Amino acid sequence: MSAIGGRYGRKPARLEATFSAVATWPLKLCSMSIWAFITARFLVGITMSGSCVTCPTSIKEICGSNIRGALECWVRICLDVVKKM
């Protein structure tokens, strides 16, 4: 994911992470086989790892310095909440 962000830009990397998350969550929720569930968990993990790289970098590029710290704290809190799900 970070390679996609470096080569094509942050926005396409975030869009790709969003589309892959949307594609893998139904597989994760509806999997009847343990291997389908493990594969879906692996794909969601790749998606989340890319989000951990591209989202804070995008926030640093877009936002002003007066609110940057608060927004990055919210990103970290939201990622921690998603990881616990």
N, C-alpha and C. Protein backbone atom coordinates (compact mmCIF):
# COMPACT_ATOMS: atom_id res chain seq x y z
N MET A 1 0.82 -1.19 0.00
CA MET A 1 0.00 0.00 0.00
C MET A 1 0.86 1.26 0.00
N SER A 2 1.92 1.25 0.79
CA SER A 2 2.76 2.45 0.81
C SER A 2 3.49 2.61 -0.52
N ALA A 3 3.79 1.51 -1.19
CA ALA A 3 4.41 1.61 -2.51
C ALA A 3 3.44 2.22 -3.52
N ILE A 4 2.17 1.87 -3.41
CA ILE A 4 1.15 2.48 -4.28
C ILE A 4 1.05 3.97 -3.99
N GLY A 5 1.08 4.32 -2.70
CA GLY A 5 1.01 5.73 -2.33
C GLY A 5 2.21 6.52 -2.81
N GLY A 6 3.38 5.89 -2.79
CA GLY A 6 4.58 6.58 -3.27
C GLY A 6 4.62 6.71 -4.78
N ARG A 7 4.10 5.73 -5.47
CA ARG A 7 4.17 5.75 -6.93
C ARG A 7 3.03 6.53 -7.58
N TYR A 8 1.79 6.30 -7.12
CA TYR A 8 0.64 6.89 -7.78
C TYR A 8 0.01 8.05 -7.01
N GLY A 9 0.38 8.21 -5.76
CA GLY A 9 -0.18 9.29 -4.96
C GLY A 9 -1.00 8.76 -3.81
N ARG A 10 -1.25 9.62 -2.85
CA ARG A 10 -1.96 9.21 -1.64
C ARG A 10 -3.44 8.93 -1.89
N LYS A 11 -4.06 9.74 -2.73
CA LYS A 11 -5.49 9.57 -2.98
C LYS A 11 -5.81 8.22 -3.64
N PRO A 12 -5.11 7.82 -4.69
CA PRO A 12 -5.38 6.48 -5.24
C PRO A 12 -5.10 5.36 -4.25
N ALA A 13 -4.12 5.54 -3.38
CA ALA A 13 -3.83 4.51 -2.38
C ALA A 13 -4.98 4.41 -1.38
N ARG A 14 -5.52 5.55 -0.96
CA ARG A 14 -6.66 5.51 -0.04
C ARG A 14 -7.89 4.91 -0.70
N LEU A 15 -8.12 5.24 -1.96
CA LEU A 15 -9.26 4.65 -2.68
C LEU A 15 -9.11 3.14 -2.84
N GLU A 16 -7.91 2.69 -3.13
CA GLU A 16 -7.67 1.26 -3.28
C GLU A 16 -7.87 0.55 -1.94
N ALA A 17 -7.44 1.18 -0.85
CA ALA A 17 -7.65 0.58 0.47
C ALA A 17 -9.14 0.51 0.79
N THR A 18 -9.88 1.53 0.43
CA THR A 18 -11.32 1.54 0.68
C THR A 18 -12.02 0.44 -0.12
N PHE A 19 -11.69 0.33 -1.39
CA PHE A 19 -12.33 -0.68 -2.23
C PHE A 19 -11.97 -2.09 -1.79
N SER A 20 -10.72 -2.30 -1.40
CA SER A 20 -10.35 -3.65 -0.95
C SER A 20 -11.00 -3.98 0.39
N ALA A 21 -11.18 -3.00 1.26
CA ALA A 21 -11.88 -3.25 2.52
C ALA A 21 -13.34 -3.58 2.27
N VAL A 22 -13.97 -2.85 1.36
CA VAL A 22 -15.36 -3.13 1.02
C VAL A 22 -15.51 -4.51 0.40
N ALA A 23 -14.52 -4.93 -0.36
CA ALA A 23 -14.58 -6.24 -1.00
C ALA A 23 -14.31 -7.39 -0.04
N THR A 24 -13.46 -7.17 0.96
CA THR A 24 -13.08 -8.28 1.83
C THR A 24 -13.98 -8.45 3.05
N TRP A 25 -14.65 -7.40 3.49
CA TRP A 25 -15.51 -7.55 4.67
C TRP A 25 -16.70 -8.49 4.43
N PRO A 26 -17.38 -8.45 3.29
CA PRO A 26 -18.44 -9.46 3.09
C PRO A 26 -17.89 -10.89 3.07
N LEU A 27 -16.69 -11.07 2.51
CA LEU A 27 -16.06 -12.38 2.53
C LEU A 27 -15.79 -12.81 3.97
N LYS A 28 -15.33 -11.87 4.77
CA LYS A 28 -15.04 -12.17 6.18
C LYS A 28 -16.32 -12.50 6.96
N LEU A 29 -17.37 -11.77 6.69
CA LEU A 29 -18.61 -11.96 7.43
C LEU A 29 -19.37 -13.22 7.01
N CYS A 30 -19.26 -13.59 5.75
CA CYS A 30 -20.06 -14.71 5.23
C CYS A 30 -19.26 -16.00 5.04
N SER A 31 -18.03 -16.03 5.50
CA SER A 31 -17.21 -17.21 5.25
C SER A 31 -17.66 -18.38 6.10
N MET A 32 -17.84 -19.51 5.47
CA MET A 32 -18.22 -20.73 6.16
C MET A 32 -17.01 -21.64 6.37
N SER A 33 -15.96 -21.38 5.65
CA SER A 33 -14.73 -22.16 5.76
C SER A 33 -13.71 -21.38 6.57
N ILE A 34 -12.90 -22.07 7.32
CA ILE A 34 -11.88 -21.41 8.12
C ILE A 34 -10.82 -20.77 7.22
N TRP A 35 -10.52 -21.41 6.08
CA TRP A 35 -9.50 -20.86 5.19
C TRP A 35 -9.99 -19.61 4.48
N ALA A 36 -11.27 -19.53 4.17
CA ALA A 36 -11.81 -18.30 3.60
C ALA A 36 -11.74 -17.17 4.62
N PHE A 37 -12.01 -17.49 5.88
CA PHE A 37 -11.94 -16.49 6.94
C PHE A 37 -10.50 -16.02 7.16
N ILE A 38 -9.55 -16.95 7.15
CA ILE A 38 -8.14 -16.57 7.32
C ILE A 38 -7.66 -15.72 6.15
N THR A 39 -8.06 -16.07 4.94
CA THR A 39 -7.70 -15.27 3.77
C THR A 39 -8.29 -13.87 3.85
N ALA A 40 -9.54 -13.77 4.27
CA ALA A 40 -10.17 -12.46 4.40
C ALA A 40 -9.49 -11.65 5.49
N ARG A 41 -9.12 -12.27 6.60
CA ARG A 41 -8.40 -11.56 7.66
C ARG A 41 -7.05 -11.04 7.16
N PHE A 42 -6.38 -11.84 6.36
CA PHE A 42 -5.10 -11.44 5.79
C PHE A 42 -5.27 -10.22 4.88
N LEU A 43 -6.29 -10.24 4.03
CA LEU A 43 -6.52 -9.12 3.13
C LEU A 43 -6.94 -7.85 3.88
N VAL A 44 -7.74 -7.99 4.91
CA VAL A 44 -8.11 -6.84 5.73
C VAL A 44 -6.88 -6.29 6.45
N GLY A 45 -5.98 -7.16 6.87
CA GLY A 45 -4.75 -6.72 7.51
C GLY A 45 -3.87 -5.91 6.58
N ILE A 46 -3.77 -6.34 5.33
CA ILE A 46 -3.00 -5.56 4.35
C ILE A 46 -3.65 -4.20 4.13
N THR A 47 -4.96 -4.18 4.04
CA THR A 47 -5.68 -2.93 3.86
C THR A 47 -5.44 -1.97 5.02
N MET A 48 -5.54 -2.49 6.24
CA MET A 48 -5.36 -1.63 7.41
C MET A 48 -3.92 -1.16 7.54
N SER A 49 -2.96 -1.98 7.18
CA SER A 49 -1.58 -1.53 7.25
C SER A 49 -1.31 -0.41 6.26
N GLY A 50 -1.93 -0.48 5.11
CA GLY A 50 -1.80 0.62 4.16
C GLY A 50 -2.47 1.89 4.65
N SER A 51 -3.59 1.73 5.34
CA SER A 51 -4.27 2.90 5.90
C SER A 51 -3.46 3.55 7.00
N CYS A 52 -2.73 2.75 7.75
CA CYS A 52 -1.88 3.31 8.82
C CYS A 52 -0.75 4.15 8.26
N VAL A 53 -0.37 3.93 7.03
CA VAL A 53 0.70 4.70 6.40
C VAL A 53 0.14 5.89 5.64
N THR A 54 -0.86 5.68 4.82
CA THR A 54 -1.30 6.75 3.92
C THR A 54 -2.16 7.82 4.60
N CYS A 55 -2.97 7.45 5.57
CA CYS A 55 -3.85 8.45 6.20
C CYS A 55 -3.08 9.51 6.99
N PRO A 56 -2.16 9.14 7.88
CA PRO A 56 -1.42 10.20 8.57
C PRO A 56 -0.57 11.06 7.63
N THR A 57 -0.03 10.44 6.59
CA THR A 57 0.76 11.22 5.63
C THR A 57 -0.12 12.21 4.89
N SER A 58 -1.32 11.80 4.53
CA SER A 58 -2.25 12.72 3.86
C SER A 58 -2.68 13.84 4.78
N ILE A 59 -2.88 13.54 6.06
CA ILE A 59 -3.25 14.58 7.01
C ILE A 59 -2.13 15.60 7.14
N LYS A 60 -0.89 15.14 7.17
CA LYS A 60 0.24 16.07 7.26
C LYS A 60 0.34 16.96 6.04
N GLU A 61 -0.02 16.45 4.88
CA GLU A 61 0.07 17.23 3.66
C GLU A 61 -1.07 18.23 3.51
N ILE A 62 -2.26 17.87 3.99
CA ILE A 62 -3.45 18.68 3.72
C ILE A 62 -3.72 19.71 4.80
N CYS A 63 -3.62 19.33 6.06
CA CYS A 63 -4.10 20.17 7.17
C CYS A 63 -3.07 21.19 7.61
N GLY A 64 -3.59 22.21 8.23
CA GLY A 64 -2.73 23.22 8.82
C GLY A 64 -2.07 22.71 10.08
N SER A 65 -1.00 23.38 10.49
CA SER A 65 -0.24 22.90 11.64
C SER A 65 -0.99 23.07 12.95
N ASN A 66 -2.00 23.95 12.99
CA ASN A 66 -2.72 24.16 14.25
C ASN A 66 -3.68 23.03 14.60
N ILE A 67 -4.16 22.24 13.63
CA ILE A 67 -5.07 21.13 13.93
C ILE A 67 -4.49 19.77 13.57
N ARG A 68 -3.29 19.75 13.05
CA ARG A 68 -2.69 18.50 12.58
C ARG A 68 -2.55 17.47 13.69
N GLY A 69 -2.09 17.87 14.87
CA GLY A 69 -1.91 16.94 15.97
C GLY A 69 -3.21 16.31 16.43
N ALA A 70 -4.26 17.14 16.52
CA ALA A 70 -5.56 16.61 16.95
C ALA A 70 -6.10 15.60 15.94
N LEU A 71 -5.97 15.90 14.66
CA LEU A 71 -6.47 14.97 13.64
C LEU A 71 -5.69 13.67 13.63
N GLU A 72 -4.38 13.75 13.82
CA GLU A 72 -3.59 12.51 13.85
C GLU A 72 -3.92 11.67 15.07
N CYS A 73 -4.24 12.32 16.18
CA CYS A 73 -4.67 11.56 17.37
C CYS A 73 -5.97 10.83 17.08
N TRP A 74 -6.90 11.49 16.40
CA TRP A 74 -8.18 10.84 16.08
C TRP A 74 -7.98 9.68 15.12
N VAL A 75 -7.06 9.83 14.17
CA VAL A 75 -6.78 8.72 13.24
C VAL A 75 -6.26 7.52 14.02
N ARG A 76 -5.32 7.76 14.94
CA ARG A 76 -4.76 6.66 15.73
C ARG A 76 -5.81 6.01 16.61
N ILE A 77 -6.67 6.82 17.21
CA ILE A 77 -7.74 6.27 18.05
C ILE A 77 -8.68 5.41 17.22
N CYS A 78 -9.09 5.91 16.05
CA CYS A 78 -9.99 5.15 15.19
C CYS A 78 -9.34 3.85 14.70
N LEU A 79 -8.06 3.89 14.37
CA LEU A 79 -7.39 2.67 13.94
C LEU A 79 -7.28 1.65 15.07
N ASP A 80 -7.08 2.13 16.30
CA ASP A 80 -7.03 1.21 17.43
C ASP A 80 -8.39 0.58 17.69
N VAL A 81 -9.45 1.36 17.51
CA VAL A 81 -10.80 0.82 17.70
C VAL A 81 -11.10 -0.24 16.66
N VAL A 82 -10.72 0.01 15.40
CA VAL A 82 -10.95 -0.95 14.32
C VAL A 82 -10.13 -2.22 14.55
N LYS A 83 -8.90 -2.08 15.05
CA LYS A 83 -8.07 -3.26 15.29
C LYS A 83 -8.68 -4.17 16.34
N LYS A 84 -9.39 -3.59 17.30
CA LYS A 84 -9.96 -4.39 18.38
C LYS A 84 -11.24 -5.10 17.94
N MET A 85 -11.77 -4.76 16.79
CA MET A 85 -13.00 -5.40 16.31
C MET A 85 -12.70 -6.74 15.82
